[in-house]
N, C-alpha and C. Protein backbone atom coordinates (compact mmCIF):
# COMPACT_ATOMS: atom_id res chain seq x y z
N MET A 1 7.38 -6.80 6.38
CA MET A 1 7.42 -7.49 5.13
C MET A 1 8.88 -7.86 4.86
N SER A 2 9.12 -9.11 4.57
CA SER A 2 10.48 -9.57 4.28
C SER A 2 10.73 -9.56 2.78
N ARG A 3 11.94 -9.26 2.42
CA ARG A 3 12.31 -9.26 1.01
C ARG A 3 13.60 -10.04 0.82
N VAL A 4 13.72 -10.71 -0.28
CA VAL A 4 14.96 -11.36 -0.67
C VAL A 4 15.68 -10.42 -1.62
N PRO A 5 16.99 -10.63 -1.87
CA PRO A 5 17.74 -9.68 -2.70
C PRO A 5 17.15 -9.39 -4.07
N CYS A 6 16.40 -10.30 -4.65
CA CYS A 6 15.85 -10.06 -5.98
C CYS A 6 14.59 -9.18 -5.94
N GLY A 7 14.13 -8.79 -4.75
CA GLY A 7 12.99 -7.89 -4.64
C GLY A 7 11.65 -8.58 -4.52
N ARG A 8 11.62 -9.89 -4.42
CA ARG A 8 10.35 -10.60 -4.28
C ARG A 8 9.84 -10.51 -2.85
N ILE A 9 8.54 -10.47 -2.70
CA ILE A 9 7.94 -10.42 -1.38
C ILE A 9 7.81 -11.84 -0.86
N CYS A 10 8.34 -12.07 0.35
CA CYS A 10 8.30 -13.41 0.95
C CYS A 10 7.14 -13.58 1.92
N HIS A 11 6.65 -12.49 2.45
CA HIS A 11 5.59 -12.55 3.44
C HIS A 11 4.57 -11.46 3.13
N GLN A 12 3.32 -11.79 3.26
CA GLN A 12 2.27 -10.84 2.92
C GLN A 12 1.18 -10.91 3.97
N GLU A 13 0.67 -9.75 4.38
CA GLU A 13 -0.47 -9.67 5.29
C GLU A 13 -1.50 -8.76 4.67
N ARG A 14 -2.75 -8.96 5.02
CA ARG A 14 -3.81 -8.12 4.48
C ARG A 14 -4.65 -7.58 5.63
N MET A 15 -4.94 -6.29 5.55
CA MET A 15 -5.76 -5.63 6.55
C MET A 15 -6.54 -4.52 5.85
N GLU A 16 -7.80 -4.41 6.16
CA GLU A 16 -8.61 -3.34 5.57
C GLU A 16 -8.73 -2.21 6.58
N VAL A 17 -8.40 -1.00 6.15
CA VAL A 17 -8.47 0.17 7.01
C VAL A 17 -9.09 1.33 6.26
N THR A 18 -9.60 2.28 7.02
CA THR A 18 -10.09 3.53 6.46
C THR A 18 -9.34 4.65 7.15
N LEU A 19 -8.71 5.52 6.37
CA LEU A 19 -7.95 6.64 6.92
C LEU A 19 -8.74 7.92 6.75
N HIS A 20 -8.87 8.67 7.83
CA HIS A 20 -9.53 9.97 7.81
C HIS A 20 -8.52 11.01 8.26
N SER A 21 -8.37 12.08 7.52
CA SER A 21 -7.43 13.13 7.88
C SER A 21 -8.19 14.44 8.03
N TYR A 22 -8.04 15.07 9.18
CA TYR A 22 -8.67 16.35 9.42
C TYR A 22 -7.66 17.49 9.45
N ALA A 23 -6.40 17.15 9.38
CA ALA A 23 -5.33 18.16 9.41
C ALA A 23 -4.50 18.05 8.14
N ARG A 24 -3.83 19.13 7.81
CA ARG A 24 -2.93 19.09 6.65
C ARG A 24 -1.71 18.28 7.04
N GLY A 25 -1.18 17.56 6.10
CA GLY A 25 -0.01 16.73 6.37
C GLY A 25 -0.23 15.35 5.78
N SER A 26 0.64 14.47 6.14
CA SER A 26 0.52 13.13 5.57
C SER A 26 0.53 12.10 6.68
N PHE A 27 0.14 10.91 6.33
CA PHE A 27 0.17 9.79 7.26
C PHE A 27 1.55 9.15 7.32
N GLY A 28 2.37 9.43 6.32
CA GLY A 28 3.71 8.84 6.30
C GLY A 28 3.77 7.53 5.55
N LEU A 29 2.81 7.32 4.66
CA LEU A 29 2.88 6.11 3.84
C LEU A 29 2.48 6.42 2.41
N VAL A 30 2.94 5.57 1.52
CA VAL A 30 2.63 5.70 0.09
C VAL A 30 1.92 4.43 -0.34
N VAL A 31 0.77 4.57 -0.99
CA VAL A 31 0.03 3.40 -1.48
C VAL A 31 0.02 3.40 -3.01
N HIS A 32 -0.01 2.21 -3.57
CA HIS A 32 -0.06 2.03 -5.02
C HIS A 32 -1.08 0.95 -5.34
N ASP A 33 -1.51 0.94 -6.58
CA ASP A 33 -2.35 -0.16 -7.03
C ASP A 33 -1.51 -1.08 -7.89
N GLN A 34 -2.02 -2.28 -8.10
CA GLN A 34 -1.31 -3.25 -8.92
C GLN A 34 -1.56 -2.92 -10.37
N ILE A 35 -0.51 -2.85 -11.14
CA ILE A 35 -0.61 -2.48 -12.55
C ILE A 35 -1.12 -3.68 -13.34
N SER A 36 -2.14 -3.45 -14.12
CA SER A 36 -2.72 -4.50 -14.95
C SER A 36 -2.90 -3.97 -16.36
N LYS A 37 -2.49 -4.76 -17.33
CA LYS A 37 -2.63 -4.33 -18.73
C LYS A 37 -3.99 -4.70 -19.32
N SER A 38 -4.77 -5.47 -18.58
CA SER A 38 -6.07 -5.87 -19.08
C SER A 38 -7.11 -4.81 -18.73
N ASN A 39 -8.26 -4.92 -19.33
CA ASN A 39 -9.36 -3.97 -19.09
C ASN A 39 -10.27 -4.49 -17.99
N ILE A 40 -9.76 -4.48 -16.77
CA ILE A 40 -10.54 -4.96 -15.63
C ILE A 40 -11.43 -3.81 -15.14
N PRO A 41 -12.72 -4.07 -14.94
CA PRO A 41 -13.61 -3.01 -14.45
C PRO A 41 -13.14 -2.50 -13.08
N GLN A 42 -13.42 -1.25 -12.78
CA GLN A 42 -12.99 -0.61 -11.53
C GLN A 42 -13.42 -1.42 -10.31
N SER A 43 -14.61 -2.02 -10.34
CA SER A 43 -15.13 -2.75 -9.20
C SER A 43 -14.39 -4.06 -8.94
N LYS A 44 -13.64 -4.58 -9.91
CA LYS A 44 -12.96 -5.86 -9.75
C LYS A 44 -11.44 -5.72 -9.64
N ARG A 45 -10.94 -4.51 -9.50
CA ARG A 45 -9.50 -4.29 -9.40
C ARG A 45 -8.95 -4.80 -8.08
N GLN A 46 -7.67 -5.11 -8.06
CA GLN A 46 -6.98 -5.54 -6.86
C GLN A 46 -6.87 -4.39 -5.87
N PRO A 47 -6.81 -4.69 -4.57
CA PRO A 47 -6.70 -3.63 -3.57
C PRO A 47 -5.36 -2.91 -3.64
N LEU A 48 -5.32 -1.71 -3.06
CA LEU A 48 -4.08 -0.95 -2.97
C LEU A 48 -3.13 -1.64 -2.00
N PHE A 49 -1.84 -1.36 -2.14
CA PHE A 49 -0.87 -1.89 -1.19
C PHE A 49 0.07 -0.78 -0.74
N ILE A 50 0.60 -0.91 0.46
CA ILE A 50 1.54 0.07 1.00
C ILE A 50 2.91 -0.22 0.41
N SER A 51 3.45 0.76 -0.31
CA SER A 51 4.75 0.55 -0.94
C SER A 51 5.89 1.21 -0.17
N TYR A 52 5.58 2.13 0.75
CA TYR A 52 6.63 2.80 1.50
C TYR A 52 6.05 3.39 2.78
N MET A 53 6.81 3.30 3.88
CA MET A 53 6.45 3.94 5.14
C MET A 53 7.61 4.80 5.62
N GLU A 54 7.31 6.05 5.94
CA GLU A 54 8.34 6.96 6.46
C GLU A 54 8.63 6.63 7.92
N LYS A 55 9.90 6.71 8.30
CA LYS A 55 10.29 6.49 9.69
C LYS A 55 9.78 7.64 10.54
N ASN A 56 9.39 7.32 11.77
CA ASN A 56 8.88 8.29 12.75
C ASN A 56 7.63 9.02 12.27
N SER A 57 6.82 8.38 11.46
CA SER A 57 5.57 8.97 10.98
C SER A 57 4.39 8.33 11.71
N PRO A 58 3.19 8.89 11.59
CA PRO A 58 2.02 8.26 12.21
C PRO A 58 1.79 6.83 11.71
N ALA A 59 2.19 6.54 10.49
CA ALA A 59 1.98 5.19 9.94
C ALA A 59 2.85 4.15 10.63
N GLU A 60 4.03 4.59 11.09
CA GLU A 60 4.94 3.64 11.72
C GLU A 60 4.41 3.29 13.09
């Protein structure tokens, strides 16, 4: 993902994945949802996005 100095996202990709964890620990990524001030029903909310990936983690 490319960023310009003001923090805007210049490139975006979308992929649907399912993560299953059978061991304690983390995948090495942090996901967030898009903040919305409106009362959007749970079924119509925007998908989660990866906001951070740890170096040398399974996610990388």
